[in-house]
N, C-alpha and C. Protein backbone atom coordinates (compact mmCIF):
# COMPACT_ATOMS: atom_id res chain seq x y z
N MET A 1 -14.87 -30.81 25.43
CA MET A 1 -14.56 -29.41 25.35
C MET A 1 -14.35 -29.03 23.89
N ALA A 2 -14.83 -27.86 23.52
CA ALA A 2 -14.71 -27.43 22.14
C ALA A 2 -14.12 -26.04 22.07
N TYR A 3 -13.43 -25.76 21.01
CA TYR A 3 -12.92 -24.42 20.77
C TYR A 3 -13.54 -23.93 19.49
N SER A 4 -14.26 -22.83 19.59
CA SER A 4 -15.02 -22.35 18.43
C SER A 4 -14.26 -21.33 17.59
N GLY A 5 -13.05 -20.97 18.02
CA GLY A 5 -12.32 -19.94 17.30
C GLY A 5 -12.61 -18.57 17.86
N SER A 6 -13.77 -18.39 18.49
CA SER A 6 -14.12 -17.10 19.07
C SER A 6 -14.02 -17.13 20.59
N GLY A 7 -13.59 -18.23 21.14
CA GLY A 7 -13.44 -18.31 22.59
C GLY A 7 -13.66 -19.72 23.09
N PHE A 8 -13.40 -19.91 24.37
CA PHE A 8 -13.57 -21.19 25.05
C PHE A 8 -15.06 -21.50 25.12
N ARG A 9 -15.46 -22.73 24.76
CA ARG A 9 -16.88 -23.07 24.78
C ARG A 9 -17.11 -24.55 25.04
N PRO A 10 -16.87 -24.99 26.28
CA PRO A 10 -17.20 -26.39 26.56
C PRO A 10 -18.71 -26.59 26.53
N SER A 11 -19.12 -27.75 26.15
CA SER A 11 -20.55 -28.02 25.94
C SER A 11 -21.36 -28.07 27.22
N ASN A 12 -20.74 -28.16 28.39
CA ASN A 12 -21.50 -28.30 29.62
C ASN A 12 -21.79 -26.97 30.33
N LEU A 13 -21.47 -25.83 29.72
CA LEU A 13 -21.77 -24.54 30.34
C LEU A 13 -23.20 -24.11 30.00
N PRO A 14 -23.86 -23.40 30.92
CA PRO A 14 -25.26 -23.04 30.71
C PRO A 14 -25.50 -21.84 29.78
N VAL A 15 -24.43 -21.17 29.36
CA VAL A 15 -24.59 -20.03 28.44
C VAL A 15 -23.76 -20.26 27.19
N GLU A 16 -24.17 -19.59 26.11
CA GLU A 16 -23.47 -19.74 24.84
C GLU A 16 -23.25 -18.35 24.25
N GLU A 17 -22.06 -18.13 23.73
CA GLU A 17 -21.70 -16.85 23.14
C GLU A 17 -22.68 -16.49 22.02
N GLY A 18 -23.17 -15.24 22.05
CA GLY A 18 -24.09 -14.76 21.02
C GLY A 18 -25.56 -14.92 21.36
N LYS A 19 -25.88 -15.79 22.32
CA LYS A 19 -27.28 -16.00 22.68
C LYS A 19 -27.74 -14.96 23.69
N VAL A 20 -29.07 -14.77 23.75
CA VAL A 20 -29.68 -13.78 24.65
C VAL A 20 -30.42 -14.50 25.77
N TYR A 21 -30.23 -14.00 27.00
CA TYR A 21 -30.85 -14.58 28.19
C TYR A 21 -31.48 -13.47 29.01
N GLU A 22 -32.50 -13.78 29.78
CA GLU A 22 -33.08 -12.83 30.72
C GLU A 22 -32.51 -13.15 32.10
N ALA A 23 -32.13 -12.10 32.82
CA ALA A 23 -31.55 -12.31 34.14
C ALA A 23 -31.74 -11.07 35.00
N LYS A 24 -31.58 -11.24 36.30
CA LYS A 24 -31.65 -10.14 37.25
C LYS A 24 -30.24 -9.89 37.79
N ILE A 25 -29.85 -8.63 37.86
CA ILE A 25 -28.55 -8.27 38.40
C ILE A 25 -28.62 -8.41 39.92
N GLU A 26 -27.75 -9.27 40.48
CA GLU A 26 -27.81 -9.61 41.90
C GLU A 26 -26.75 -8.92 42.73
N ASP A 27 -25.67 -8.48 42.09
CA ASP A 27 -24.54 -7.94 42.85
C ASP A 27 -23.70 -7.09 41.90
N ILE A 28 -22.66 -6.46 42.45
CA ILE A 28 -21.72 -5.67 41.66
C ILE A 28 -20.35 -6.29 41.81
N GLY A 29 -19.65 -6.49 40.69
CA GLY A 29 -18.30 -7.07 40.72
C GLY A 29 -17.25 -6.04 41.12
N ARG A 30 -16.02 -6.49 41.29
CA ARG A 30 -14.91 -5.63 41.72
C ARG A 30 -14.66 -4.46 40.76
N GLU A 31 -14.92 -4.67 39.48
CA GLU A 31 -14.69 -3.63 38.48
C GLU A 31 -15.90 -2.72 38.28
N GLY A 32 -16.97 -2.96 39.05
CA GLY A 32 -18.16 -2.12 38.97
C GLY A 32 -19.23 -2.64 38.02
N ASP A 33 -18.98 -3.77 37.37
CA ASP A 33 -19.98 -4.36 36.47
C ASP A 33 -21.05 -5.08 37.28
N GLY A 34 -22.28 -5.08 36.74
CA GLY A 34 -23.34 -5.84 37.36
C GLY A 34 -23.04 -7.33 37.25
N LEU A 35 -23.52 -8.09 38.21
CA LEU A 35 -23.28 -9.53 38.23
C LEU A 35 -24.63 -10.24 38.23
N ALA A 36 -24.85 -11.04 37.21
CA ALA A 36 -26.07 -11.86 37.11
C ALA A 36 -25.65 -13.32 37.17
N ARG A 37 -26.61 -14.17 37.47
CA ARG A 37 -26.35 -15.61 37.45
C ARG A 37 -27.38 -16.26 36.53
N ILE A 38 -26.87 -17.09 35.64
CA ILE A 38 -27.73 -17.88 34.76
C ILE A 38 -27.43 -19.33 35.09
N GLN A 39 -28.38 -20.00 35.71
CA GLN A 39 -28.19 -21.37 36.21
C GLN A 39 -26.93 -21.44 37.06
N ASN A 40 -26.77 -20.49 37.98
CA ASN A 40 -25.63 -20.37 38.91
C ASN A 40 -24.30 -20.06 38.22
N PHE A 41 -24.32 -19.72 36.96
CA PHE A 41 -23.10 -19.36 36.22
C PHE A 41 -23.01 -17.83 36.20
N VAL A 42 -21.88 -17.29 36.63
CA VAL A 42 -21.71 -15.85 36.77
C VAL A 42 -21.54 -15.19 35.41
N VAL A 43 -22.31 -14.10 35.21
CA VAL A 43 -22.21 -13.29 34.00
C VAL A 43 -22.05 -11.83 34.43
N PHE A 44 -20.96 -11.19 33.99
CA PHE A 44 -20.73 -9.77 34.27
C PHE A 44 -21.33 -8.93 33.16
N VAL A 45 -22.05 -7.88 33.58
CA VAL A 45 -22.77 -7.03 32.62
C VAL A 45 -22.51 -5.56 32.96
N PRO A 46 -21.68 -4.88 32.17
CA PRO A 46 -21.40 -3.47 32.45
C PRO A 46 -22.63 -2.59 32.27
N GLY A 47 -22.66 -1.49 33.02
CA GLY A 47 -23.75 -0.52 32.86
C GLY A 47 -25.05 -0.91 33.53
N THR A 48 -24.99 -1.84 34.48
CA THR A 48 -26.20 -2.27 35.19
C THR A 48 -26.01 -2.08 36.68
N LYS A 49 -27.12 -2.15 37.41
CA LYS A 49 -27.04 -2.03 38.86
C LYS A 49 -27.91 -3.11 39.51
N ILE A 50 -27.70 -3.33 40.79
CA ILE A 50 -28.45 -4.36 41.52
C ILE A 50 -29.95 -4.12 41.37
N GLY A 51 -30.66 -5.18 41.05
CA GLY A 51 -32.11 -5.12 40.90
C GLY A 51 -32.58 -4.98 39.46
N ASP A 52 -31.69 -4.59 38.56
CA ASP A 52 -32.08 -4.48 37.15
C ASP A 52 -32.47 -5.85 36.61
N GLU A 53 -33.57 -5.91 35.88
CA GLU A 53 -33.96 -7.13 35.18
C GLU A 53 -33.74 -6.84 33.70
N VAL A 54 -32.82 -7.57 33.10
CA VAL A 54 -32.35 -7.23 31.75
C VAL A 54 -32.25 -8.46 30.85
N LYS A 55 -32.27 -8.18 29.55
CA LYS A 55 -31.92 -9.19 28.56
C LYS A 55 -30.43 -9.00 28.29
N ILE A 56 -29.69 -10.10 28.31
CA ILE A 56 -28.24 -10.07 28.17
C ILE A 56 -27.82 -10.89 26.97
N ARG A 57 -27.01 -10.30 26.10
CA ARG A 57 -26.38 -11.05 25.01
C ARG A 57 -24.97 -11.41 25.48
N ILE A 58 -24.65 -12.68 25.47
CA ILE A 58 -23.34 -13.14 25.92
C ILE A 58 -22.29 -12.79 24.87
N THR A 59 -21.24 -12.09 25.29
CA THR A 59 -20.20 -11.65 24.37
C THR A 59 -18.92 -12.47 24.48
N LYS A 60 -18.68 -13.06 25.65
CA LYS A 60 -17.47 -13.86 25.84
C LYS A 60 -17.72 -14.87 26.95
N VAL A 61 -17.29 -16.10 26.74
CA VAL A 61 -17.48 -17.17 27.71
C VAL A 61 -16.12 -17.72 28.14
N HIS A 62 -15.95 -17.82 29.46
CA HIS A 62 -14.76 -18.42 30.06
C HIS A 62 -15.21 -19.65 30.86
N ARG A 63 -14.27 -20.36 31.42
CA ARG A 63 -14.61 -21.58 32.17
C ARG A 63 -15.51 -21.32 33.36
N ARG A 64 -15.27 -20.22 34.09
CA ARG A 64 -16.00 -19.98 35.33
C ARG A 64 -16.91 -18.76 35.29
N MET A 65 -16.90 -18.03 34.18
CA MET A 65 -17.72 -16.82 34.10
C MET A 65 -17.90 -16.44 32.64
N ALA A 66 -18.81 -15.49 32.44
CA ALA A 66 -19.04 -14.97 31.10
C ALA A 66 -19.21 -13.46 31.19
N PHE A 67 -19.15 -12.81 30.05
CA PHE A 67 -19.40 -11.38 29.96
C PHE A 67 -20.52 -11.17 28.97
N GLY A 68 -21.35 -10.17 29.25
CA GLY A 68 -22.47 -9.90 28.38
C GLY A 68 -22.74 -8.42 28.27
N GLU A 69 -23.68 -8.10 27.38
CA GLU A 69 -24.11 -6.72 27.20
C GLU A 69 -25.62 -6.68 27.23
N VAL A 70 -26.16 -5.56 27.69
CA VAL A 70 -27.62 -5.41 27.74
C VAL A 70 -28.15 -5.27 26.33
N VAL A 71 -29.23 -5.99 26.05
CA VAL A 71 -29.93 -5.88 24.77
C VAL A 71 -31.04 -4.88 24.96
N ARG A 72 -30.97 -3.79 24.24
CA ARG A 72 -31.99 -2.74 24.34
C ARG A 72 -32.95 -2.89 23.17
N GLU A 73 -34.24 -2.87 23.48
CA GLU A 73 -35.25 -3.05 22.43
C GLU A 73 -35.93 -1.76 22.08
């Protein structure tokens, strides 16, 4: 397990803070954020809806989930 100073970042998680991933929004979380899965790892993405296919930049990583933002080109 490593601590990068910007958040929790164990080496065995499938996402990394700052990196961009492509994913499909599969569900909506309790707070209304879109929910995507990257290698079965939950990523919450505000401003999305079910069915959206988006590029996501990971902004924060926790042990069981991450948060991201849509990358607009």
